Amino acid sequence: MKNAFQNKKNDYLVLKIFIFSFLALSIILFGVGSFFDMEINSWFAKGMDVYFIKIIVWIYEEAGMTQSFIFIFLFIAVILEVTFISSSKSLKWKIVLIIYYVGWLVFWLTFNITQIIAAPLRDDGFGPGVNGWFLDNQKIRQYILVSLFIIETIGFGGVFYFLRFKFSNRADLLQNGYRVDAIKALTIYIVSSLVVWIMKPTFGRPYFYSVDFANIFYSDRLQPEWRDYWVQTGHKIKSWGYINKETGLVESVPYKEWWQINNFFGNIKDIFKPLGSQKPGWWNMDFPSGHMNSCFAIVFAGYFFIGEKKNRKITGWKWIFLIGWFVHINLMQYTQIISRTHWITDTSFTISMTLILFIFNGLVIDKIINKYNTKNNRNFR
């Protein structure tokens, strides 16, 4: 018994060292990037010249847009399932559950089918069917979207089956505090997302792609007809850069450090215009990184099976999950830098900020829940 307790204690010590080491590394990267952003991104961007790397980067770019959906679905579903059981399976909460599951199904199918159908003819400024980021056929994007849709839909189906037919029948469902775990996960995701999406339009930082746009535009990566299209029409669809009115030449967007606010009051009025049609650079809203934030939705699910105060042992498969997530978030970070969609200061700041919020989130939620239970003589779990 003593050895088991000691092993559990050691496991959580290793986990804490892992979290704080990752935080320290991210802060160091943020500090280094604050001085060498351009140099770091210029080196990583060379990866886009290797076709195999470009496809991997493209897959990660698209995966980052939807990877958090299944976990948001999970967090809310757990709250509703536990509430349904704690209400003695009342008709009201049964109806809420049905509406929730059907609503997600309709949303998921509509969102993905719409994206997949529209993908081949999407216009990123170089003509219908030409991908602006990767300067390749949009059909490749369609294949990626179909593959991700199949994989993630299987994931959704598996989560739904487990929740409805396994999880909801657990004997320890009410005692183990899964609803509070889900509230913690959902809260930290909402708070961190709000921070990211408030800061994005506030800073309006340009992509490295936009800062390097003139070099890209006049390189052999672009076909002549793509250039002509962007000058004539495409710059109104996606304003990747400027057209000098005097010379007629295409120019890049000026570089902005992460701390430089990009004419917030002059640009914010265009927030509701179609994305890409606003002033060049500002609409990129590059700082911080939404893709990094969405990666954390995965590890927030750890609230369900990791908890020192709840005596949950960190088993082998849990370590595999954590290590897999660490590899995944770093692949996401560096593929974003390779694609010129983010600076290393964008990604490292988001990781640092979210980890700090993550460290304090559980403590704050526990205090709020305990205060609520004491005040109302409840045992909300």
Protein backbone atom coordinates (compact mmCIF):
# COMPACT_ATOMS: atom_id res chain seq x y z
CA MET A 1 0.00 0.00 0.00
CA LYS A 2 2.82 2.36 0.94
CA ASN A 3 4.72 1.55 -2.27
CA ALA A 4 1.60 2.18 -4.38
CA PHE A 5 1.11 5.55 -2.70
CA GLN A 6 4.76 6.43 -3.22
CA ASN A 7 4.62 5.43 -6.90
CA LYS A 8 1.52 7.58 -7.43
CA LYS A 9 3.22 10.50 -5.71
CA ASN A 10 6.31 10.07 -7.89
CA ASP A 11 4.16 9.90 -11.04
CA TYR A 12 2.54 13.24 -10.24
CA LEU A 13 5.93 14.76 -9.44
CA VAL A 14 7.13 13.70 -12.91
CA LEU A 15 3.94 15.16 -14.43
CA LYS A 16 4.51 18.49 -12.69
CA ILE A 17 8.13 18.56 -13.85
CA PHE A 18 6.91 17.80 -17.38
CA ILE A 19 4.36 20.66 -17.33
CA PHE A 20 6.72 23.23 -15.84
CA SER A 21 9.55 22.19 -18.16
CA PHE A 22 7.29 22.66 -21.18
CA LEU A 23 6.23 26.04 -19.79
CA ALA A 24 9.87 27.07 -19.24
CA LEU A 25 10.82 25.95 -22.76
CA SER A 26 7.92 27.89 -24.28
CA ILE A 27 8.82 31.05 -22.34
CA ILE A 28 12.44 30.72 -23.49
CA LEU A 29 11.31 30.28 -27.11
CA PHE A 30 9.08 33.32 -26.75
CA GLY A 31 11.98 35.37 -25.41
CA VAL A 32 14.38 34.23 -28.15
CA GLY A 33 11.71 34.76 -30.80
CA SER A 34 11.14 38.31 -29.59
CA PHE A 35 14.64 39.09 -30.90
CA PHE A 36 14.95 36.64 -33.80
CA ASP A 37 11.41 36.10 -35.12
CA MET A 38 12.32 36.90 -38.71
CA GLU A 39 15.44 34.74 -38.75
CA ILE A 40 13.69 31.75 -37.19
CA ASN A 41 10.69 31.90 -39.50
CA SER A 42 12.84 32.45 -42.60
CA TRP A 43 14.75 29.24 -41.84
CA PHE A 44 11.66 27.13 -41.14
CA ALA A 45 9.83 28.45 -44.22
CA LYS A 46 12.32 26.60 -46.43
CA GLY A 47 10.38 23.46 -45.56
CA MET A 48 7.61 24.56 -47.92
CA ASP A 49 9.93 23.84 -50.84
CA VAL A 50 9.87 20.12 -49.95
CA TYR A 51 6.62 18.63 -51.30
CA PHE A 52 6.30 15.88 -48.67
CA ILE A 53 6.74 18.38 -45.84
CA LYS A 54 4.28 20.75 -47.51
CA ILE A 55 1.56 18.07 -47.51
CA ILE A 56 2.15 17.26 -43.83
CA VAL A 57 1.97 20.99 -43.04
CA TRP A 58 -1.26 21.24 -45.04
CA ILE A 59 -2.82 18.33 -43.13
CA TYR A 60 -1.94 19.97 -39.82
CA GLU A 61 -3.26 23.32 -41.01
CA GLU A 62 -6.68 21.80 -41.75
CA ALA A 63 -6.69 19.53 -38.68
CA GLY A 64 -6.12 22.54 -36.46
CA MET A 65 -9.45 23.99 -37.59
CA THR A 66 -11.58 21.07 -36.34
CA GLN A 67 -9.53 19.07 -33.82
CA SER A 68 -11.14 20.79 -30.82
CA PHE A 69 -14.75 20.05 -31.89
CA ILE A 70 -14.86 16.48 -30.64
CA PHE A 71 -13.52 17.55 -27.23
CA ILE A 72 -15.94 20.45 -26.86
CA PHE A 73 -18.68 17.94 -27.72
CA LEU A 74 -17.28 15.60 -25.05
CA PHE A 75 -17.06 18.23 -22.29
CA ILE A 76 -20.64 19.43 -22.72
CA ALA A 77 -21.98 15.88 -23.17
CA VAL A 78 -20.43 14.73 -19.87
CA ILE A 79 -22.05 17.66 -18.04
CA LEU A 80 -25.44 16.80 -19.55
CA GLU A 81 -25.11 13.03 -19.02
CA VAL A 82 -24.22 13.41 -15.33
CA THR A 83 -26.98 15.97 -14.84
CA PHE A 84 -29.43 13.57 -16.50
CA ILE A 85 -28.44 10.74 -14.14
CA SER A 86 -28.44 12.99 -11.05
CA SER A 87 -31.97 14.14 -11.94
CA SER A 88 -33.12 10.49 -11.74
CA LYS A 89 -33.32 10.45 -15.54
CA SER A 90 -36.01 13.09 -15.71
CA LEU A 91 -37.87 13.61 -18.99
CA LYS A 92 -36.69 17.23 -19.20
CA TRP A 93 -33.00 16.31 -19.22
CA LYS A 94 -33.63 13.37 -21.54
CA ILE A 95 -35.10 15.80 -24.08
CA VAL A 96 -32.15 18.15 -23.58
CA LEU A 97 -29.74 15.26 -24.26
CA ILE A 98 -31.60 14.23 -27.43
CA ILE A 99 -31.64 17.80 -28.73
CA TYR A 100 -27.95 18.17 -27.95
CA TYR A 101 -26.87 15.00 -29.73
CA VAL A 102 -29.09 15.58 -32.76
CA GLY A 103 -28.00 19.22 -32.90
CA TRP A 104 -24.32 18.23 -32.94
CA LEU A 105 -24.96 15.65 -35.65
CA VAL A 106 -26.72 18.19 -37.87
CA PHE A 107 -24.01 20.81 -37.25
CA TRP A 108 -21.13 18.41 -37.85
CA LEU A 109 -22.53 16.99 -41.09
CA THR A 110 -23.62 20.39 -42.44
CA PHE A 111 -20.32 22.10 -41.60
CA ASN A 112 -18.11 19.41 -43.10
CA ILE A 113 -20.17 18.60 -46.20
CA THR A 114 -20.39 22.33 -47.00
CA GLN A 115 -16.62 22.71 -46.61
CA ILE A 116 -15.85 19.61 -48.68
CA ILE A 117 -18.18 20.55 -51.55
CA ALA A 118 -16.92 24.15 -51.69
CA ALA A 119 -13.21 23.26 -51.40
CA PRO A 120 -12.27 22.64 -55.09
CA LEU A 121 -13.46 26.07 -56.28
CA ARG A 122 -12.49 28.18 -53.27
CA ASP A 123 -10.80 31.41 -54.31
CA ASP A 124 -7.89 32.53 -52.12
CA GLY A 125 -7.01 35.41 -54.41
CA PHE A 126 -5.19 33.58 -57.20
CA GLY A 127 -8.27 32.24 -58.93
CA PRO A 128 -10.86 29.54 -58.18
CA GLY A 129 -9.20 26.25 -57.37
CA VAL A 130 -5.81 27.66 -56.35
CA ASN A 131 -4.88 27.43 -52.68
CA GLY A 132 -3.34 30.68 -51.45
CA TRP A 133 -1.25 29.24 -48.64
CA PHE A 134 0.18 26.26 -50.40
CA LEU A 135 0.01 27.49 -54.02
CA ASP A 136 -1.39 24.21 -55.24
CA ASN A 137 -4.66 22.68 -56.40
CA GLN A 138 -7.57 23.06 -53.97
CA LYS A 139 -8.54 19.46 -54.72
CA ILE A 140 -5.67 18.41 -52.46
CA ARG A 141 -7.38 20.36 -49.69
CA GLN A 142 -10.62 18.55 -50.50
CA TYR A 143 -8.91 15.15 -50.15
CA ILE A 144 -7.47 16.24 -46.80
CA LEU A 145 -10.86 17.48 -45.60
CA VAL A 146 -12.56 14.22 -46.61
CA SER A 147 -9.89 12.17 -44.80
CA LEU A 148 -10.14 14.28 -41.64
CA PHE A 149 -13.95 14.16 -41.80
CA ILE A 150 -13.94 10.35 -41.90
CA ILE A 151 -11.41 10.04 -39.06
CA GLU A 152 -13.08 12.64 -36.83
CA THR A 153 -16.58 11.31 -37.53
CA ILE A 154 -15.45 7.85 -36.40
CA GLY A 155 -14.08 9.58 -33.30
CA PHE A 156 -17.39 11.33 -32.70
CA GLY A 157 -19.25 8.04 -33.09
CA GLY A 158 -16.95 6.31 -30.63
CA VAL A 159 -17.31 9.10 -28.06
CA PHE A 160 -21.11 9.11 -28.45
CA TYR A 161 -21.31 5.32 -28.04
CA PHE A 162 -19.09 5.38 -24.94
CA LEU A 163 -21.00 8.24 -23.31
CA ARG A 164 -24.47 6.86 -23.98
CA PHE A 165 -23.94 3.16 -23.39
CA LYS A 166 -20.85 2.85 -21.17
CA PHE A 167 -20.14 6.04 -19.26
CA SER A 168 -23.78 6.72 -18.31
CA ASN A 169 -23.99 3.27 -16.69
CA ARG A 170 -20.89 3.63 -14.49
CA ALA A 171 -21.53 2.93 -10.82
CA ASP A 172 -19.14 5.73 -9.79
CA LEU A 173 -20.59 8.29 -12.19
CA LEU A 174 -21.91 10.64 -9.49
CA GLN A 175 -19.25 9.98 -6.88
CA ASN A 176 -16.17 10.53 -9.06
CA GLY A 177 -16.85 14.15 -9.91
CA TYR A 178 -16.83 13.81 -13.71
CA ARG A 179 -19.23 16.72 -14.13
CA VAL A 180 -16.86 19.05 -12.29
CA ASP A 181 -14.00 17.66 -14.41
CA ALA A 182 -15.97 18.55 -17.53
CA ILE A 183 -16.70 22.03 -16.17
CA LYS A 184 -12.98 22.54 -15.56
CA ALA A 185 -12.13 21.41 -19.10
CA LEU A 186 -14.82 23.52 -20.73
CA THR A 187 -14.02 26.58 -18.61
CA ILE A 188 -10.29 26.60 -19.36
CA TYR A 189 -10.99 26.11 -23.06
CA ILE A 190 -13.49 29.00 -23.14
CA VAL A 191 -11.26 31.34 -21.10
CA SER A 192 -8.09 30.62 -23.09
CA SER A 193 -10.03 30.95 -26.37
CA LEU A 194 -11.47 34.30 -25.29
CA VAL A 195 -8.00 35.59 -24.46
CA VAL A 196 -6.71 34.48 -27.87
CA TRP A 197 -9.62 35.88 -29.88
CA ILE A 198 -9.66 39.21 -28.04
CA MET A 199 -5.92 39.66 -28.59
CA LYS A 200 -6.02 38.72 -32.29
CA PRO A 201 -7.94 41.78 -33.58
CA THR A 202 -6.38 43.97 -30.90
CA PHE A 203 -2.85 43.39 -32.23
CA GLY A 204 -3.74 42.65 -35.87
CA ARG A 205 -0.32 41.16 -36.51
CA PRO A 206 0.51 40.21 -40.13
CA TYR A 207 1.42 36.68 -41.19
CA PHE A 208 5.00 36.01 -42.23
CA TYR A 209 3.32 35.04 -45.52
CA SER A 210 2.10 38.65 -45.92
CA VAL A 211 5.42 40.10 -44.76
CA ASP A 212 7.20 37.94 -47.36
CA PHE A 213 4.47 38.32 -49.99
CA ALA A 214 6.45 40.27 -52.61
CA ASN A 215 9.15 37.58 -52.64
CA ILE A 216 6.51 34.85 -52.94
CA PHE A 217 4.59 36.77 -55.61
CA TYR A 218 7.56 37.25 -57.93
CA SER A 219 8.99 33.77 -57.34
CA ASP A 220 8.52 30.76 -59.60
CA ARG A 221 6.01 29.37 -57.09
CA LEU A 222 3.30 31.48 -58.77
CA GLN A 223 2.16 30.90 -62.32
CA PRO A 224 1.85 34.07 -64.47
CA GLU A 225 -1.95 33.80 -64.71
CA TRP A 226 -2.17 33.64 -60.90
CA ARG A 227 -0.24 36.89 -60.64
CA ASP A 228 -2.44 38.58 -63.23
CA TYR A 229 -5.59 37.42 -61.46
CA TRP A 230 -4.43 38.70 -58.06
CA VAL A 231 -3.51 42.14 -59.46
CA GLN A 232 -6.78 42.48 -61.36
CA THR A 233 -9.26 40.87 -58.95
CA GLY A 234 -7.73 38.68 -56.27
CA HIS A 235 -6.31 41.46 -54.10
CA LYS A 236 -9.91 42.43 -53.27
CA ILE A 237 -10.67 38.85 -52.21
CA LYS A 238 -7.49 38.19 -50.23
CA SER A 239 -5.32 41.24 -49.65
CA TRP A 240 -2.09 39.34 -49.00
CA GLY A 241 -0.06 42.44 -49.84
CA TYR A 242 -0.20 45.90 -51.44
CA ILE A 243 -0.21 47.13 -55.02
CA ASN A 244 1.89 50.30 -55.24
CA LYS A 245 -0.33 52.83 -57.07
CA GLU A 246 2.63 54.68 -58.53
CA THR A 247 4.76 51.79 -59.77
CA GLY A 248 2.10 49.08 -60.11
CA LEU A 249 4.44 46.68 -58.30
CA VAL A 250 3.30 44.31 -55.58
CA GLU A 251 4.71 45.04 -52.13
CA SER A 252 4.80 43.09 -48.87
CA VAL A 253 3.04 44.07 -45.67
CA PRO A 254 5.39 45.79 -43.16
CA TYR A 255 6.66 43.53 -40.37
CA LYS A 256 5.18 44.00 -36.90
CA GLU A 257 6.72 42.84 -33.65
CA TRP A 258 4.34 40.88 -31.44
CA TRP A 259 3.96 43.82 -29.05
CA GLN A 260 3.12 46.38 -31.76
CA ILE A 261 -0.60 47.11 -32.09
CA ASN A 262 -1.56 47.47 -35.74
CA ASN A 263 -3.74 50.61 -35.89
CA PHE A 264 -6.52 49.04 -33.82
CA PHE A 265 -8.99 51.93 -33.97
CA GLY A 266 -8.42 52.43 -37.68
CA ASN A 267 -8.97 48.77 -38.52
CA ILE A 268 -11.51 47.42 -36.05
CA LYS A 269 -14.38 48.98 -38.00
CA ASP A 270 -13.70 46.42 -40.75
CA ILE A 271 -14.04 43.43 -38.41
CA PHE A 272 -17.29 42.25 -40.04
CA LYS A 273 -16.12 42.53 -43.64
CA PRO A 274 -15.39 39.24 -45.46
CA LEU A 275 -12.14 37.83 -44.12
CA GLY A 276 -9.31 38.85 -46.42
CA SER A 277 -10.95 41.93 -47.89
CA GLN A 278 -9.81 44.21 -45.06
CA LYS A 279 -6.61 46.22 -44.91
CA PRO A 280 -3.58 44.03 -45.77
CA GLY A 281 -1.88 42.57 -42.71
CA TRP A 282 -4.43 43.46 -40.07
CA TRP A 283 -6.96 40.82 -41.08
CA ASN A 284 -4.29 38.14 -40.58
CA MET A 285 -4.70 38.62 -36.79
CA ASP A 286 -1.70 36.37 -36.28
CA PHE A 287 -0.98 36.90 -32.58
CA PRO A 288 -1.71 34.71 -30.59
CA SER A 289 -2.31 31.32 -32.28
CA GLY A 290 -5.77 29.76 -32.48
CA HIS A 291 -4.28 26.46 -33.70
CA MET A 292 -2.16 26.17 -30.56
CA ASN A 293 -5.16 26.94 -28.39
CA SER A 294 -7.25 24.25 -30.13
CA CYS A 295 -4.47 21.69 -29.43
CA PHE A 296 -5.02 22.20 -25.72
CA ALA A 297 -8.62 20.98 -25.97
CA ILE A 298 -7.11 17.51 -26.31
CA VAL A 299 -5.09 17.63 -23.11
CA PHE A 300 -7.93 19.32 -21.20
CA ALA A 301 -9.67 15.93 -21.48
CA GLY A 302 -7.01 14.80 -19.01
CA TYR A 303 -9.20 16.19 -16.25
CA PHE A 304 -11.32 13.01 -16.58
CA PHE A 305 -8.55 10.54 -15.82
CA ILE A 306 -5.79 12.48 -14.05
CA GLY A 307 -6.26 13.94 -10.59
CA GLU A 308 -3.93 13.65 -7.62
CA LYS A 309 -6.59 14.59 -5.06
CA LYS A 310 -8.93 11.95 -6.52
CA ASN A 311 -6.24 9.28 -6.21
CA ARG A 312 -6.22 8.60 -9.96
CA LYS A 313 -3.12 6.68 -10.91
CA ILE A 314 -1.21 7.77 -14.00
CA THR A 315 -1.07 4.46 -15.82
CA GLY A 316 1.00 3.56 -18.88
CA TRP A 317 -1.67 4.44 -21.42
CA LYS A 318 -2.14 7.84 -19.75
CA TRP A 319 1.56 8.57 -20.19
CA ILE A 320 1.25 7.51 -23.83
CA PHE A 321 -1.66 9.95 -24.20
CA LEU A 322 0.37 12.80 -22.66
CA ILE A 323 3.49 12.09 -24.70
CA GLY A 324 1.40 11.75 -27.87
CA TRP A 325 -0.19 15.12 -27.18
CA PHE A 326 3.23 16.71 -26.56
CA VAL A 327 4.47 15.42 -29.94
CA HIS A 328 1.25 16.58 -31.61
CA ILE A 329 1.28 20.12 -30.25
CA ASN A 330 4.93 20.56 -31.22
CA LEU A 331 4.24 19.28 -34.73
CA MET A 332 1.36 21.76 -34.90
CA GLN A 333 3.61 24.56 -33.68
CA TYR A 334 6.40 24.02 -36.17
CA THR A 335 4.16 23.24 -39.15
CA GLN A 336 2.45 26.58 -38.52
CA ILE A 337 5.84 28.28 -38.66
CA ILE A 338 6.85 26.39 -41.81
CA SER A 339 3.65 27.43 -43.59
CA ARG A 340 4.31 31.11 -42.75
CA THR A 341 0.93 31.29 -40.98
CA HIS A 342 2.51 32.01 -37.59
CA TRP A 343 5.62 33.41 -35.99
CA ILE A 344 7.30 31.42 -33.24
CA THR A 345 6.36 34.19 -30.78
CA ASP A 346 2.68 33.62 -31.66
CA THR A 347 2.83 29.90 -30.95
CA SER A 348 5.12 29.96 -27.91
CA PHE A 349 3.13 32.79 -26.29
CA THR A 350 -0.12 30.84 -26.71
CA ILE A 351 1.40 27.70 -25.22
CA SER A 352 2.85 29.65 -22.26
CA MET A 353 -0.35 31.58 -21.62
CA THR A 354 -2.58 28.50 -21.80
CA LEU A 355 -0.31 26.43 -19.56
CA ILE A 356 -0.36 29.18 -16.92
CA LEU A 357 -4.16 29.36 -17.08
CA PHE A 358 -4.29 25.55 -16.97
CA ILE A 359 -2.19 25.43 -13.78
CA PHE A 360 -4.58 27.72 -11.89
CA ASN A 361 -7.86 26.69 -13.51
CA GLY A 362 -8.51 23.56 -11.45
CA LEU A 363 -7.77 25.31 -8.16
CA VAL A 364 -10.16 28.17 -8.94
CA ILE A 365 -13.01 25.88 -10.08
CA ASP A 366 -12.61 23.67 -6.99
CA LYS A 367 -12.86 26.72 -4.72
CA ILE A 368 -15.98 27.96 -6.50
CA ILE A 369 -17.65 24.53 -6.36
CA ASN A 370 -16.76 24.04 -2.68
CA LYS A 371 -18.10 27.49 -1.82
CA TYR A 372 -21.31 26.74 -3.73
CA ASN A 373 -21.78 23.38 -1.97
CA THR A 374 -21.13 24.86 1.48
CA LYS A 375 -23.45 27.81 0.95
CA ASN A 376 -26.31 25.75 -0.50
CA ASN A 377 -25.74 22.56 1.49
CA ARG A 378 -25.27 20.65 -1.77
CA ASN A 379 -22.96 17.95 -3.02
CA PHE A 380 -22.51 19.11 -6.59
CA ARG A 381 -19.95 16.90 -8.33
